[in-house]
Amino acid sequence: MMKMETDKIMDETNSNSQPFTTTMLYDPVRKKESSPTFQVERDTCLTYFSQWNETDQVDFVEQLLSRMCHYQHGHIDAFLKPMLQRDFISLLPSKLCLH
């Protein structure tokens, strides 16, 4: 089961006997500091990743992506867009570039 990054806020001002819960999407402005344990584990994973061949790296990333939520996919998309843009003018034959 996927876990989405959300914050739940209890509203005690509700007049009903049951508390009212509001779910807010994760706010990237409130980014938390990574724990030292996470940093060590991340570095270990990156060391393994760099030792794998390209096929294994792609498989690993596909497995990671399949476990991520929609919000995380949006972050990955924004990160990758600039990397995937191409300068198609430089790929044209030089004769076409002069016109």
Protein backbone atom coordinates (compact mmCIF):
# COMPACT_ATOMS: atom_id res chain seq x y z
CA MET A 1 0.00 0.00 0.00
CA MET A 2 1.36 3.42 -0.95
CA LYS A 3 1.80 6.03 1.75
CA MET A 4 1.03 9.58 0.67
CA GLU A 5 2.78 12.49 2.26
CA THR A 6 0.02 14.38 4.00
CA ASP A 7 -0.49 16.20 7.26
CA LYS A 8 -3.67 15.68 9.27
CA ILE A 9 -4.98 18.55 11.35
CA MET A 10 -7.58 18.10 14.05
CA ASP A 11 -10.19 20.84 14.33
CA GLU A 12 -11.45 21.11 17.90
CA THR A 13 -13.77 24.02 17.04
CA ASN A 14 -16.26 21.63 15.45
CA SER A 15 -19.48 21.51 17.48
CA ASN A 16 -20.02 17.79 16.80
CA SER A 17 -18.91 15.29 19.41
CA GLN A 18 -16.46 13.71 16.95
CA PRO A 19 -13.33 15.65 15.98
CA PHE A 20 -13.13 16.87 12.39
CA THR A 21 -10.00 15.91 10.46
CA THR A 22 -8.65 17.91 7.52
CA THR A 23 -5.99 16.42 5.28
CA MET A 24 -3.56 18.86 3.70
CA LEU A 25 -1.06 17.98 1.00
CA TYR A 26 2.58 18.10 1.98
CA ASP A 27 3.98 21.63 1.79
CA PRO A 28 7.45 21.63 0.15
CA VAL A 29 8.26 24.96 1.81
CA ARG A 30 8.29 23.17 5.16
CA LYS A 31 10.98 20.72 4.05
CA LYS A 32 12.38 18.84 7.01
CA GLU A 33 16.07 18.20 7.58
CA SER A 34 17.18 14.70 6.65
CA SER A 35 18.17 12.52 9.56
CA PRO A 36 21.78 11.35 9.80
CA THR A 37 20.54 7.77 9.42
CA PHE A 38 18.80 8.65 6.16
CA GLN A 39 21.91 10.36 4.82
CA VAL A 40 24.08 7.30 5.51
CA GLU A 41 21.51 4.92 3.99
CA ARG A 42 21.07 7.18 0.94
CA ASP A 43 24.82 7.31 0.36
CA THR A 44 25.01 3.52 0.64
CA CYS A 45 22.23 3.13 -1.95
CA LEU A 46 23.95 5.59 -4.29
CA THR A 47 27.22 3.67 -3.97
CA TYR A 48 25.47 0.44 -4.95
CA PHE A 49 23.60 2.23 -7.75
CA SER A 50 26.80 3.55 -9.31
CA GLN A 51 28.24 0.02 -9.39
CA TRP A 52 25.29 -1.44 -11.32
CA ASN A 53 25.06 -1.57 -15.11
CA GLU A 54 22.64 0.71 -16.94
CA THR A 55 19.91 -1.94 -17.26
CA ASP A 56 19.94 -2.65 -13.53
CA GLN A 57 19.92 1.08 -12.75
CA VAL A 58 16.85 1.59 -14.95
CA ASP A 59 15.10 -1.37 -13.35
CA PHE A 60 15.84 -0.01 -9.87
CA VAL A 61 14.52 3.46 -10.74
CA GLU A 62 11.37 1.93 -12.26
CA GLN A 63 10.80 0.02 -9.02
CA LEU A 64 11.25 3.22 -7.01
CA LEU A 65 8.86 5.17 -9.23
CA SER A 66 6.20 2.47 -8.96
CA ARG A 67 6.23 2.93 -5.17
CA MET A 68 5.94 6.73 -5.23
CA CYS A 69 2.77 8.80 -4.95
CA HIS A 70 1.41 11.30 -7.49
CA TYR A 71 2.90 14.27 -5.63
CA GLN A 72 6.35 12.69 -5.76
CA HIS A 73 5.93 11.95 -9.47
CA GLY A 74 5.28 15.68 -9.98
CA HIS A 75 8.57 16.51 -8.27
CA ILE A 76 10.43 14.00 -10.42
CA ASP A 77 8.76 15.39 -13.55
CA ALA A 78 9.83 18.95 -12.68
CA PHE A 79 13.37 17.73 -11.98
CA LEU A 80 13.64 15.83 -15.28
CA LYS A 81 12.04 18.37 -17.67
CA PRO A 82 15.13 20.60 -18.00
CA MET A 83 17.35 17.54 -18.48
CA LEU A 84 15.18 16.24 -21.31
CA GLN A 85 15.03 19.47 -23.31
CA ARG A 86 17.12 19.39 -26.47
CA ASP A 87 18.70 22.08 -28.56
CA PHE A 88 17.30 20.86 -31.87
CA ILE A 89 18.87 23.77 -33.82
CA SER A 90 22.35 22.45 -33.10
CA LEU A 91 21.31 19.08 -34.56
CA LEU A 92 20.38 20.58 -37.94
CA PRO A 93 22.83 20.48 -40.84
CA SER A 94 25.05 23.57 -40.89
CA LYS A 95 23.57 24.75 -44.22
CA LEU A 96 20.11 25.04 -42.66
CA CYS A 97 21.43 26.93 -39.65
CA LEU A 98 22.73 29.73 -41.86
CA HIS A 99 19.27 30.61 -43.24
